[in-house]
N, C-alpha and C. Protein backbone atom coordinates (compact mmCIF):
# COMPACT_ATOMS: atom_id res chain seq x y z
N MET A 1 19.95 -2.56 16.42
CA MET A 1 21.26 -2.75 17.10
C MET A 1 21.93 -1.41 17.58
N THR A 2 22.44 -1.49 18.80
CA THR A 2 22.94 -0.34 19.39
C THR A 2 24.36 0.20 18.86
N ALA A 3 24.40 1.36 18.40
CA ALA A 3 25.67 1.91 17.78
C ALA A 3 26.71 1.95 18.80
N GLN A 4 28.05 1.51 18.39
CA GLN A 4 29.06 1.44 19.37
C GLN A 4 29.68 2.87 19.39
N PRO A 5 30.06 3.30 20.62
CA PRO A 5 30.55 4.67 20.84
C PRO A 5 31.95 4.82 20.02
N THR A 6 32.31 6.09 19.61
CA THR A 6 33.53 6.22 19.02
C THR A 6 34.55 6.53 20.06
N LEU A 7 35.55 5.65 20.08
CA LEU A 7 36.73 5.74 20.97
C LEU A 7 37.95 6.27 20.40
N ILE A 8 38.66 7.03 21.13
CA ILE A 8 40.05 7.54 20.74
C ILE A 8 41.01 6.62 21.21
N VAL A 9 41.59 5.89 20.35
CA VAL A 9 42.75 4.88 20.63
C VAL A 9 43.85 5.55 21.42
N SER A 10 44.34 6.67 20.98
CA SER A 10 45.53 7.35 21.70
C SER A 10 45.14 7.55 23.13
N VAL A 11 43.94 8.11 23.45
CA VAL A 11 43.49 8.40 24.71
C VAL A 11 43.45 7.08 25.58
N GLN A 12 42.95 6.06 25.03
CA GLN A 12 42.89 4.71 25.80
C GLN A 12 44.31 4.26 26.10
N ARG A 13 45.25 4.53 25.14
CA ARG A 13 46.72 4.01 25.41
C ARG A 13 47.25 4.86 26.55
N ALA A 14 46.98 6.24 26.53
CA ALA A 14 47.57 6.96 27.67
C ALA A 14 46.93 6.75 28.96
N LEU A 15 45.69 6.35 28.95
CA LEU A 15 45.05 5.92 30.29
C LEU A 15 45.53 4.64 30.76
N HIS A 16 45.87 3.71 29.86
CA HIS A 16 46.52 2.45 30.23
C HIS A 16 47.91 2.72 30.85
N LEU A 17 48.60 3.61 30.22
CA LEU A 17 49.81 3.88 30.82
C LEU A 17 49.68 4.47 32.28
N LEU A 18 48.78 5.42 32.45
CA LEU A 18 48.55 5.99 33.88
C LEU A 18 48.16 4.77 34.93
N ASP A 19 47.27 3.95 34.43
CA ASP A 19 46.95 2.80 35.24
C ASP A 19 48.10 1.85 35.63
N ALA A 20 49.04 1.70 34.71
CA ALA A 20 50.21 0.84 34.85
C ALA A 20 51.17 1.58 35.85
N VAL A 21 51.35 2.90 35.75
CA VAL A 21 52.20 3.63 36.64
C VAL A 21 51.62 3.68 38.06
N GLY A 22 50.24 3.91 38.10
CA GLY A 22 49.59 4.00 39.26
C GLY A 22 49.70 2.78 40.25
N SER A 23 49.61 1.56 39.49
CA SER A 23 49.52 0.31 40.18
C SER A 23 50.98 -0.22 40.69
N SER A 24 51.99 0.49 40.21
CA SER A 24 53.41 0.09 40.65
C SER A 24 53.81 0.84 41.83
N GLU A 25 54.52 0.12 42.65
CA GLU A 25 54.97 0.62 43.98
C GLU A 25 56.35 1.45 43.81
N ARG A 26 56.86 1.37 42.53
CA ARG A 26 58.20 2.07 42.23
C ARG A 26 58.16 2.73 40.83
N PRO A 27 59.03 3.65 40.55
CA PRO A 27 59.01 4.22 39.31
C PRO A 27 59.19 3.09 38.15
N MET A 28 58.40 3.27 37.06
CA MET A 28 58.51 2.25 35.97
C MET A 28 59.21 2.92 34.79
N THR A 29 60.11 2.22 34.08
CA THR A 29 60.78 2.63 32.92
C THR A 29 59.89 2.54 31.83
N ALA A 30 60.26 3.25 30.66
CA ALA A 30 59.48 3.17 29.44
C ALA A 30 59.35 1.86 28.95
N LYS A 31 60.41 1.02 28.97
CA LYS A 31 60.43 -0.37 28.49
C LYS A 31 59.51 -1.24 29.33
N ALA A 32 59.47 -1.04 30.61
CA ALA A 32 58.58 -1.73 31.49
C ALA A 32 57.17 -1.40 31.15
N LEU A 33 56.89 -0.17 30.94
CA LEU A 33 55.50 0.22 30.65
C LEU A 33 55.08 -0.25 29.29
N ALA A 34 55.94 -0.24 28.37
CA ALA A 34 55.63 -0.80 26.91
C ALA A 34 55.21 -2.34 27.12
N ARG A 35 55.95 -3.10 27.88
CA ARG A 35 55.61 -4.52 28.10
C ARG A 35 54.30 -4.58 28.86
N ALA A 36 54.08 -3.76 29.87
CA ALA A 36 52.90 -3.93 30.66
C ALA A 36 51.70 -3.55 30.00
N THR A 37 51.78 -2.71 28.91
CA THR A 37 50.66 -2.32 28.25
C THR A 37 50.51 -2.88 26.83
N GLY A 38 51.50 -3.58 26.39
CA GLY A 38 51.45 -4.15 25.14
C GLY A 38 51.67 -3.17 23.94
N GLU A 39 52.16 -2.01 24.21
CA GLU A 39 52.37 -0.95 23.22
C GLU A 39 53.81 -1.06 22.71
N LYS A 40 53.91 -0.50 21.40
CA LYS A 40 55.28 -0.42 20.94
C LYS A 40 56.21 0.65 21.61
N LEU A 41 57.43 0.41 21.84
CA LEU A 41 58.23 1.32 22.55
C LEU A 41 58.23 2.76 22.00
N PRO A 42 58.34 2.96 20.70
CA PRO A 42 58.26 4.45 20.23
C PRO A 42 56.90 5.12 20.67
N THR A 43 55.85 4.34 20.44
CA THR A 43 54.52 4.88 20.84
C THR A 43 54.47 5.16 22.32
N THR A 44 55.03 4.25 23.10
CA THR A 44 55.15 4.54 24.60
C THR A 44 55.85 5.73 24.86
N TYR A 45 56.97 5.97 24.22
CA TYR A 45 57.79 7.18 24.43
C TYR A 45 57.01 8.50 24.17
N HIS A 46 56.28 8.45 23.01
CA HIS A 46 55.46 9.53 22.56
C HIS A 46 54.46 9.84 23.57
N LEU A 47 53.73 8.83 24.15
CA LEU A 47 52.66 9.09 25.09
C LEU A 47 53.21 9.56 26.41
N LEU A 48 54.32 8.90 26.83
CA LEU A 48 54.89 9.41 28.01
C LEU A 48 55.43 10.90 28.03
N ARG A 49 55.91 11.21 26.96
CA ARG A 49 56.45 12.69 26.71
C ARG A 49 55.17 13.56 26.88
N THR A 50 54.13 13.20 26.30
CA THR A 50 52.99 14.00 26.47
C THR A 50 52.45 14.10 27.84
N LEU A 51 52.35 13.03 28.46
CA LEU A 51 51.76 12.90 29.86
C LEU A 51 52.66 13.79 30.84
N VAL A 52 54.06 13.52 30.71
CA VAL A 52 54.93 14.38 31.54
C VAL A 52 54.76 15.83 31.29
N HIS A 53 54.54 16.29 29.98
CA HIS A 53 54.35 17.69 29.66
C HIS A 53 53.14 18.24 30.28
N GLU A 54 52.04 17.45 30.31
CA GLU A 54 50.79 17.91 30.95
C GLU A 54 50.67 17.79 32.40
N GLY A 55 51.70 17.18 33.08
CA GLY A 55 51.71 17.01 34.47
C GLY A 55 51.09 15.84 35.00
N TYR A 56 50.71 14.87 34.16
CA TYR A 56 50.05 13.63 34.75
C TYR A 56 51.04 12.64 35.17
N LEU A 57 52.28 12.72 34.56
CA LEU A 57 53.34 11.83 35.02
C LEU A 57 54.62 12.82 35.22
N SER A 58 55.45 12.16 36.06
CA SER A 58 56.74 13.03 36.24
C SER A 58 57.82 11.90 36.22
N ARG A 59 59.10 12.40 35.93
CA ARG A 59 60.26 11.47 35.94
C ARG A 59 60.84 11.38 37.38
N ARG A 60 61.18 10.17 37.85
CA ARG A 60 61.83 10.08 39.05
C ARG A 60 62.69 8.75 39.06
N ASP A 61 64.02 8.87 39.54
CA ASP A 61 64.84 7.73 39.60
C ASP A 61 64.95 6.90 38.41
N GLY A 62 64.95 7.60 37.31
CA GLY A 62 65.05 6.82 35.96
C GLY A 62 63.76 6.23 35.48
N GLY A 63 62.70 6.49 36.16
CA GLY A 63 61.36 5.98 35.77
C GLY A 63 60.22 7.00 35.69
N TYR A 64 58.97 6.55 35.74
CA TYR A 64 57.83 7.42 35.70
C TYR A 64 56.91 7.11 36.83
N VAL A 65 56.48 8.28 37.55
CA VAL A 65 55.61 8.11 38.65
C VAL A 65 54.31 9.13 38.26
N LEU A 66 53.22 8.93 38.92
CA LEU A 66 52.23 9.85 38.89
C LEU A 66 52.49 11.26 39.18
N GLY A 67 52.01 12.19 38.36
CA GLY A 67 52.23 13.56 38.62
C GLY A 67 51.31 14.30 39.44
N GLU A 68 51.57 15.62 39.59
CA GLU A 68 50.76 16.47 40.41
C GLU A 68 49.31 16.68 39.86
N ARG A 69 49.13 16.57 38.60
CA ARG A 69 47.86 16.70 38.09
C ARG A 69 46.85 15.65 38.58
N VAL A 70 47.29 14.42 38.57
CA VAL A 70 46.68 13.35 39.06
C VAL A 70 46.23 13.47 40.59
N SER A 71 47.25 14.02 41.39
CA SER A 71 47.00 14.27 42.74
C SER A 71 45.98 15.25 42.87
N SER A 72 46.05 16.24 42.06
CA SER A 72 44.95 17.38 42.19
C SER A 72 43.55 16.77 41.87
N LEU A 73 43.41 16.05 40.88
CA LEU A 73 42.18 15.34 40.49
C LEU A 73 41.61 14.48 41.74
N SER A 74 42.57 13.60 42.39
CA SER A 74 42.18 12.90 43.48
C SER A 74 41.56 13.72 44.69
N ALA A 75 42.29 14.86 44.88
CA ALA A 75 41.99 15.68 46.00
C ALA A 75 40.63 16.29 45.78
N ARG A 76 40.29 16.42 44.49
CA ARG A 76 38.87 17.00 44.25
C ARG A 76 37.78 15.93 44.47
N LEU A 77 38.17 14.64 44.33
CA LEU A 77 37.20 13.58 44.52
C LEU A 77 37.09 13.34 46.04
N HIS A 78 38.15 13.66 46.77
CA HIS A 78 38.15 13.34 48.20
C HIS A 78 38.77 14.49 48.94
N PRO A 79 38.02 15.60 49.11
CA PRO A 79 38.48 16.73 49.73
C PRO A 79 38.79 16.65 51.04
N PRO A 80 39.69 17.37 51.60
CA PRO A 80 40.09 17.23 53.07
C PRO A 80 38.98 17.70 54.04
N SER A 81 38.82 17.09 55.14
CA SER A 81 37.80 17.42 56.08
C SER A 81 38.07 18.83 56.61
N LEU A 82 37.09 19.31 57.24
CA LEU A 82 37.24 20.73 57.91
C LEU A 82 38.40 20.54 59.02
N ARG A 83 38.48 19.46 59.72
CA ARG A 83 39.49 19.39 60.68
C ARG A 83 40.87 19.46 60.07
N GLU A 84 41.00 18.72 58.89
CA GLU A 84 42.26 18.71 58.19
C GLU A 84 42.60 20.09 57.72
N ARG A 85 41.65 20.85 57.36
CA ARG A 85 41.89 22.17 56.62
C ARG A 85 42.18 23.20 57.74
N ALA A 86 41.58 23.04 58.93
CA ALA A 86 41.83 23.91 60.06
C ALA A 86 43.02 23.74 60.89
N ARG A 87 43.64 22.52 60.69
CA ARG A 87 44.71 22.16 61.61
C ARG A 87 45.88 23.25 61.50
N PRO A 88 46.28 23.55 60.25
CA PRO A 88 47.42 24.56 60.13
C PRO A 88 47.07 25.81 60.91
N ALA A 89 45.66 26.26 60.81
CA ALA A 89 45.31 27.64 61.45
C ALA A 89 45.50 27.38 63.00
N LEU A 90 44.96 26.30 63.54
CA LEU A 90 45.06 25.95 65.03
C LEU A 90 46.52 25.92 65.36
N ALA A 91 47.40 25.11 64.66
CA ALA A 91 48.70 25.11 65.06
C ALA A 91 49.41 26.38 65.03
N GLY A 92 49.11 27.21 64.08
CA GLY A 92 49.60 28.69 63.93
C GLY A 92 49.27 29.44 65.21
N LEU A 93 47.99 29.34 65.53
CA LEU A 93 47.58 30.09 66.66
C LEU A 93 48.32 29.60 67.96
N HIS A 94 48.47 28.21 68.17
CA HIS A 94 49.12 27.84 69.13
C HIS A 94 50.57 28.19 69.37
N ASP A 95 51.19 28.28 68.20
CA ASP A 95 52.61 28.58 68.16
C ASP A 95 52.81 30.02 68.44
N THR A 96 51.92 30.86 67.82
CA THR A 96 52.02 32.30 68.00
C THR A 96 51.73 32.88 69.44
N LEU A 97 50.61 32.32 69.87
CA LEU A 97 50.16 32.78 71.24
C LEU A 97 50.43 31.83 72.43
N ARG A 98 51.17 30.78 72.09
CA ARG A 98 51.64 29.91 73.15
C ARG A 98 50.56 29.53 74.10
N ALA A 99 49.48 29.05 73.51
CA ALA A 99 48.36 28.58 74.26
C ALA A 99 47.67 27.43 73.49
N ALA A 100 46.97 26.63 74.22
CA ALA A 100 46.22 25.52 73.47
C ALA A 100 45.03 26.16 72.67
N SER A 101 44.89 25.65 71.47
CA SER A 101 43.83 26.18 70.65
C SER A 101 42.71 25.10 70.37
N TYR A 102 41.49 25.51 70.24
CA TYR A 102 40.32 24.75 70.06
C TYR A 102 39.69 25.03 68.94
N LEU A 103 39.02 24.03 68.25
CA LEU A 103 38.12 24.28 67.13
C LEU A 103 36.69 23.69 67.54
N VAL A 104 35.80 24.60 67.56
CA VAL A 104 34.34 24.15 68.00
C VAL A 104 33.48 24.54 66.93
N LEU A 105 32.57 23.56 66.57
CA LEU A 105 31.53 23.67 65.53
C LEU A 105 30.03 23.75 66.13
N TYR A 106 29.27 24.46 65.60
CA TYR A 106 27.87 24.39 65.81
C TYR A 106 27.22 23.45 64.74
N ARG A 107 26.91 22.32 65.23
CA ARG A 107 26.48 21.17 64.15
C ARG A 107 25.13 20.56 64.64
N ASP A 108 24.10 20.64 63.94
CA ASP A 108 22.88 20.05 64.28
C ASP A 108 22.32 20.51 65.56
N GLY A 109 22.47 21.80 65.79
CA GLY A 109 22.00 22.45 66.94
C GLY A 109 22.74 22.31 68.28
N GLU A 110 23.98 21.78 68.11
CA GLU A 110 24.77 21.53 69.39
C GLU A 110 26.22 22.00 69.09
N LEU A 111 26.86 22.32 70.27
CA LEU A 111 28.21 22.67 70.22
C LEU A 111 29.13 21.36 70.22
N GLU A 112 30.05 21.42 69.22
CA GLU A 112 30.86 20.15 69.17
C GLU A 112 32.37 20.59 69.12
N LEU A 113 33.02 19.92 69.99
CA LEU A 113 34.48 20.14 70.08
C LEU A 113 35.29 19.28 69.02
N VAL A 114 35.86 19.86 68.10
CA VAL A 114 36.24 19.04 66.92
C VAL A 114 37.73 18.65 66.93
N ASP A 115 38.47 19.65 67.40
CA ASP A 115 39.94 19.38 67.46
C ASP A 115 40.77 20.26 68.45
N VAL A 116 41.83 19.89 68.92
CA VAL A 116 42.54 20.67 69.98
C VAL A 116 44.10 20.52 69.59
N VAL A 117 44.77 21.69 69.53
CA VAL A 117 46.13 21.54 69.26
C VAL A 117 46.86 22.19 70.65
N ASP A 118 47.77 21.38 71.20
CA ASP A 118 48.41 21.70 72.47
C ASP A 118 49.76 21.23 72.49
N SER A 119 50.57 21.35 73.53
CA SER A 119 51.90 20.99 73.66
C SER A 119 52.15 20.88 75.13
N PRO A 120 53.35 20.22 75.47
CA PRO A 120 53.72 20.14 76.92
C PRO A 120 53.73 21.52 77.54
N ALA A 121 54.29 22.49 76.71
CA ALA A 121 54.43 23.91 77.24
C ALA A 121 53.16 24.70 77.44
N ALA A 122 52.26 24.20 76.67
CA ALA A 122 50.86 24.83 76.63
C ALA A 122 49.80 23.83 76.45
N PRO A 123 49.56 22.91 77.44
CA PRO A 123 48.67 21.96 77.50
C PRO A 123 47.25 22.29 77.42
N ARG A 124 46.38 21.46 76.88
CA ARG A 124 44.94 21.58 77.04
C ARG A 124 44.44 21.52 78.37
N VAL A 125 43.29 22.11 78.69
CA VAL A 125 42.78 22.00 79.99
C VAL A 125 41.37 21.28 79.92
N ASP A 126 41.00 20.72 80.94
CA ASP A 126 39.54 20.07 81.05
C ASP A 126 38.58 21.22 81.13
N LEU A 127 37.60 21.12 80.27
CA LEU A 127 36.49 22.11 80.47
C LEU A 127 35.70 21.97 81.60
N TRP A 128 35.51 23.14 82.42
CA TRP A 128 34.88 23.02 83.69
C TRP A 128 33.33 22.68 83.60
N VAL A 129 32.75 22.76 82.38
CA VAL A 129 31.40 22.21 82.16
C VAL A 129 31.38 21.42 81.01
N ASP A 130 30.33 20.63 80.72
CA ASP A 130 30.20 19.77 79.64
C ASP A 130 29.76 20.79 78.42
N LEU A 131 30.61 20.66 77.37
CA LEU A 131 30.29 21.59 76.19
C LEU A 131 28.95 21.40 75.60
N THR A 132 28.47 20.13 75.47
CA THR A 132 27.17 19.83 75.07
C THR A 132 26.08 20.50 75.87
N ALA A 133 26.10 20.23 77.17
CA ALA A 133 25.04 20.62 78.04
C ALA A 133 25.05 22.11 78.46
N SER A 134 26.28 22.67 78.57
CA SER A 134 26.33 24.04 79.12
C SER A 134 27.48 24.82 78.46
N GLY A 135 27.65 24.56 77.08
CA GLY A 135 28.65 25.22 76.37
C GLY A 135 28.52 26.72 76.31
N HIS A 136 27.26 27.24 76.48
CA HIS A 136 27.08 28.69 76.45
C HIS A 136 27.79 29.37 77.64
N ALA A 137 28.17 28.71 78.62
CA ALA A 137 28.92 29.34 79.69
C ALA A 137 30.32 29.26 79.55
N THR A 138 30.86 28.87 78.41
CA THR A 138 32.29 28.80 78.17
C THR A 138 32.58 30.01 77.02
N ALA A 139 33.81 30.45 77.06
CA ALA A 139 34.23 31.36 75.87
C ALA A 139 33.98 30.72 74.57
N LEU A 140 34.25 29.40 74.45
CA LEU A 140 34.11 28.78 73.21
C LEU A 140 32.60 28.85 72.73
N GLY A 141 31.74 28.54 73.67
CA GLY A 141 30.33 28.47 73.29
C GLY A 141 29.88 29.87 73.04
N LYS A 142 30.28 30.82 73.70
CA LYS A 142 29.78 32.26 73.59
C LYS A 142 30.27 32.77 72.10
N ALA A 143 31.35 32.34 71.85
CA ALA A 143 31.87 32.75 70.49
C ALA A 143 31.20 32.28 69.40
N VAL A 144 30.81 30.91 69.53
CA VAL A 144 30.05 30.19 68.41
C VAL A 144 28.67 30.80 68.38
N LEU A 145 27.94 30.94 69.56
CA LEU A 145 26.64 31.32 69.56
C LEU A 145 26.50 32.76 69.12
N SER A 146 27.53 33.67 69.35
CA SER A 146 27.48 35.01 68.83
C SER A 146 27.48 35.11 67.45
N ALA A 147 27.93 34.02 66.72
CA ALA A 147 27.99 34.02 65.27
C ALA A 147 26.62 33.65 64.60
N LEU A 148 25.73 33.14 65.49
CA LEU A 148 24.47 32.86 64.99
C LEU A 148 23.55 33.97 64.86
N ASP A 149 22.50 33.83 63.97
CA ASP A 149 21.52 34.97 64.11
C ASP A 149 20.59 34.76 65.39
N GLU A 150 19.64 35.78 65.43
CA GLU A 150 18.93 35.85 66.76
C GLU A 150 18.13 34.65 66.83
N ASP A 151 17.48 34.18 65.74
CA ASP A 151 16.66 32.85 65.76
C ASP A 151 17.47 31.78 66.15
N GLY A 152 18.60 31.62 65.63
CA GLY A 152 19.40 30.51 65.91
C GLY A 152 19.83 30.47 67.41
N ARG A 153 20.19 31.64 68.06
CA ARG A 153 20.48 31.74 69.48
C ARG A 153 19.26 31.34 70.32
N ARG A 154 18.13 31.90 69.96
CA ARG A 154 16.92 31.66 70.66
C ARG A 154 16.58 30.13 70.68
N ASP A 155 16.84 29.45 69.55
CA ASP A 155 16.54 28.02 69.50
C ASP A 155 17.40 27.32 70.35
N TYR A 156 18.79 27.62 70.29
CA TYR A 156 19.73 26.92 71.27
C TYR A 156 19.33 27.25 72.71
N LEU A 157 19.06 28.49 73.05
CA LEU A 157 18.83 28.78 74.58
C LEU A 157 17.53 28.20 75.02
N ALA A 158 16.59 28.03 74.03
CA ALA A 158 15.38 27.32 74.46
C ALA A 158 15.42 25.92 74.84
N ARG A 159 16.63 25.31 74.32
CA ARG A 159 16.82 23.90 74.53
C ARG A 159 17.89 23.64 75.74
N HIS A 160 18.52 24.75 76.07
CA HIS A 160 19.60 24.62 77.16
C HIS A 160 19.24 25.53 78.33
N GLU A 161 19.03 24.98 79.51
CA GLU A 161 18.84 25.81 80.59
C GLU A 161 19.95 26.70 81.08
N LEU A 162 19.64 27.94 81.16
CA LEU A 162 20.81 28.82 81.66
C LEU A 162 21.03 28.78 83.16
N ALA A 163 21.64 27.71 83.55
CA ALA A 163 21.95 27.59 85.02
C ALA A 163 22.96 28.70 85.37
N ASP A 164 22.89 29.01 86.68
CA ASP A 164 23.90 29.98 87.29
C ASP A 164 25.30 29.52 87.05
N LEU A 165 25.68 28.26 87.36
CA LEU A 165 26.94 27.64 87.23
C LEU A 165 28.03 28.54 87.87
N GLY A 166 27.71 28.93 89.13
CA GLY A 166 28.73 29.64 89.94
C GLY A 166 28.91 31.19 89.51
N GLY A 167 27.96 31.68 88.90
CA GLY A 167 28.15 33.18 88.55
C GLY A 167 28.75 33.41 87.31
N ARG A 168 29.31 32.33 86.66
CA ARG A 168 30.24 32.64 85.40
C ARG A 168 29.25 33.06 84.26
N LEU A 169 28.16 32.31 84.11
CA LEU A 169 27.35 32.66 83.19
C LEU A 169 26.80 34.11 83.02
N GLY A 170 26.31 34.52 84.13
CA GLY A 170 25.79 35.81 84.22
C GLY A 170 26.84 36.90 83.92
N ALA A 171 27.94 36.50 84.25
CA ALA A 171 29.10 37.58 84.01
C ALA A 171 29.35 37.84 82.60
N GLY A 172 29.16 36.85 81.68
CA GLY A 172 29.60 36.87 80.32
C GLY A 172 28.64 36.59 79.35
N LEU A 173 27.41 36.12 79.55
CA LEU A 173 26.46 35.67 78.60
C LEU A 173 26.00 36.77 77.67
N GLY A 174 25.60 37.87 78.14
CA GLY A 174 25.04 38.91 77.30
C GLY A 174 26.24 39.51 76.30
N ARG A 175 27.34 39.64 76.99
CA ARG A 175 28.58 40.14 76.36
C ARG A 175 28.98 39.18 75.12
N GLY A 176 29.00 37.88 75.64
CA GLY A 176 29.52 36.82 74.73
C GLY A 176 28.66 36.62 73.62
N LEU A 177 27.35 36.68 73.71
CA LEU A 177 26.34 36.29 72.69
C LEU A 177 25.91 37.44 71.84
N ASP A 178 26.00 38.65 72.28
CA ASP A 178 25.38 39.74 71.54
C ASP A 178 26.34 40.63 70.74
N SER A 179 27.41 40.89 71.31
CA SER A 179 28.27 41.97 70.62
C SER A 179 29.71 41.77 70.66
N ALA A 180 30.35 40.89 71.43
CA ALA A 180 31.73 40.77 71.62
C ALA A 180 32.37 40.14 70.43
N ASP A 181 33.46 40.79 69.87
CA ASP A 181 34.27 40.11 68.86
C ASP A 181 35.10 39.01 69.45
N VAL A 182 35.57 39.11 70.71
CA VAL A 182 36.32 38.13 71.38
C VAL A 182 35.58 37.80 72.64
N ALA A 183 35.18 36.63 72.86
CA ALA A 183 34.38 36.20 74.10
C ALA A 183 35.46 35.64 75.07
N ASP A 184 35.25 35.90 76.34
CA ASP A 184 36.18 35.38 77.34
C ASP A 184 35.38 34.66 78.46
N ASP A 185 36.25 33.86 79.19
CA ASP A 185 35.75 33.12 80.28
C ASP A 185 36.86 33.13 81.42
N ARG A 186 36.70 34.19 82.37
CA ARG A 186 37.77 34.38 83.36
C ARG A 186 37.29 33.84 84.62
N HIS A 187 38.21 33.32 85.50
CA HIS A 187 37.89 32.62 86.65
C HIS A 187 38.57 33.20 87.84
N GLY A 188 38.94 34.38 87.75
CA GLY A 188 39.51 35.01 88.94
C GLY A 188 40.82 34.24 89.53
N ASP A 189 40.52 34.00 90.95
CA ASP A 189 41.64 33.24 91.63
C ASP A 189 41.46 31.81 91.51
N GLU A 190 40.46 31.20 90.84
CA GLU A 190 40.31 29.80 90.80
C GLU A 190 41.42 29.09 90.08
N PRO A 191 41.77 27.91 90.57
CA PRO A 191 43.01 27.18 89.84
C PRO A 191 42.66 26.42 88.51
N VAL A 192 42.04 27.30 87.67
CA VAL A 192 41.74 26.87 86.30
C VAL A 192 42.13 27.85 85.30
N ALA A 193 42.19 27.57 84.02
CA ALA A 193 42.71 28.39 82.99
C ALA A 193 41.58 29.33 82.63
N ASP A 194 42.03 30.69 82.32
CA ASP A 194 41.20 31.61 81.65
C ASP A 194 41.09 31.18 80.12
N CYS A 195 39.99 31.64 79.51
CA CYS A 195 39.80 31.24 78.04
C CYS A 195 39.26 32.35 77.43
N VAL A 196 39.78 32.48 76.14
CA VAL A 196 39.18 33.50 75.15
C VAL A 196 38.96 32.74 73.88
N ALA A 197 37.86 33.14 73.14
CA ALA A 197 37.53 32.58 71.84
C ALA A 197 37.01 33.61 70.97
N THR A 198 37.05 33.27 69.58
CA THR A 198 36.50 34.26 68.74
C THR A 198 35.98 33.52 67.36
N ASP A 199 35.14 34.14 66.79
CA ASP A 199 34.74 33.66 65.44
C ASP A 199 36.01 33.68 64.46
N ASP A 200 36.04 32.74 63.46
CA ASP A 200 37.25 32.62 62.57
C ASP A 200 37.51 33.89 61.87
N ASP A 201 36.63 35.02 61.72
CA ASP A 201 36.84 36.07 61.09
C ASP A 201 37.75 37.09 62.06
N ASP A 202 37.70 36.71 63.32
CA ASP A 202 38.38 37.75 64.29
C ASP A 202 39.53 37.05 64.96
N VAL A 203 40.24 36.19 64.28
CA VAL A 203 41.38 35.49 64.99
C VAL A 203 42.39 36.52 65.40
N ARG A 204 42.66 37.52 64.54
CA ARG A 204 43.74 38.44 64.96
C ARG A 204 43.52 39.25 66.23
N ARG A 205 42.23 39.33 66.64
CA ARG A 205 42.03 39.97 67.79
C ARG A 205 42.37 39.11 69.09
N LEU A 206 42.62 37.84 69.00
CA LEU A 206 42.84 36.89 70.02
C LEU A 206 44.14 37.45 70.74
N ASP A 207 45.22 37.76 69.98
CA ASP A 207 46.47 38.04 70.52
C ASP A 207 46.46 39.27 71.53
N HIS A 208 45.80 40.24 71.07
CA HIS A 208 45.65 41.45 71.96
C HIS A 208 44.93 41.03 73.31
N ARG A 209 43.91 40.22 73.23
CA ARG A 209 43.10 39.94 74.36
C ARG A 209 43.79 38.96 75.28
N ILE A 210 44.46 38.06 74.68
CA ILE A 210 45.46 36.96 75.57
C ILE A 210 46.50 37.89 76.28
N ARG A 211 47.05 38.70 75.63
CA ARG A 211 48.21 39.43 76.29
C ARG A 211 47.61 40.39 77.39
N GLY A 212 46.35 40.72 77.49
CA GLY A 212 45.87 41.46 78.39
C GLY A 212 45.46 40.72 79.76
N PHE A 213 45.51 39.44 79.61
CA PHE A 213 45.27 38.55 80.79
C PHE A 213 46.48 38.69 81.79
N ASP A 214 46.19 38.65 82.98
CA ASP A 214 47.36 38.65 83.98
C ASP A 214 47.66 37.31 84.62
N ARG A 215 47.09 36.27 83.94
CA ARG A 215 47.37 35.06 84.49
C ARG A 215 48.41 34.27 83.58
N ALA A 216 49.04 33.27 83.95
CA ALA A 216 49.98 32.59 83.19
C ALA A 216 49.23 31.48 82.33
N ASP A 217 48.12 31.03 82.75
CA ASP A 217 47.47 30.01 82.08
C ASP A 217 46.33 30.49 81.08
N GLN A 218 46.30 30.43 79.87
CA GLN A 218 45.30 30.77 79.01
C GLN A 218 45.02 29.52 77.88
N THR A 219 43.76 29.67 77.54
CA THR A 219 43.37 28.70 76.49
C THR A 219 42.61 29.58 75.35
N LEU A 220 42.92 29.28 74.02
CA LEU A 220 42.30 30.05 73.02
C LEU A 220 41.47 29.15 72.18
N GLY A 221 40.44 29.66 71.54
CA GLY A 221 39.58 29.00 70.83
C GLY A 221 39.23 29.65 69.42
N LEU A 222 39.15 28.78 68.47
CA LEU A 222 38.68 29.30 67.06
C LEU A 222 37.52 28.54 66.91
N ASN A 223 36.36 29.19 66.71
CA ASN A 223 35.17 28.55 66.28
C ASN A 223 34.82 28.70 64.80
N HIS A 224 34.03 27.68 64.44
CA HIS A 224 33.61 27.82 62.92
C HIS A 224 32.20 27.24 63.00
N SER A 225 31.30 28.18 62.74
CA SER A 225 29.85 27.78 62.90
C SER A 225 29.10 27.65 61.52
């Protein structure tokens, strides 16, 4: 015969209260929770007092709601995505530098545009090349690839032909992939936006580089490889 596990009744009662509070769309009173769980009112008050003290419940509008400790546990089970974590940084860059900001990842051997933060005053621009096919010709791609080790760059370049692309690639490939803290993609008198990008460890360098441009249109990028 299998031995039954030893259960702590008070813990069960507290968990039942959490379940009841969590299933309600509005704050629940102590009396309502006592009825919902079948507990005596004095016992319910003692358990609620303890749960509030530990942060698992909080008082609101004369009743009880789930506390910050429950939210913290839930966040650990469902952590935010990289895009959600990066959004505040991208928004901060956009607000500070008054330029559209981009997040690019190097994932499964390819460059991937994950997110863009822009506004009517500083709109995003269409990339002049396809990021997947020729991303190494853009400041975004250069910044990402410069963060790779030599073997990683060689692997990428072996799978992507280094076409001339109007002379832009030759002007910045070596600088962008080998040593630059901030990669750029300048287009001279052409009616497109200049672009600068950096690895996430060098974000503070973007402001200096952007302010050195003599054009009104700039796009900035933050890569995370």
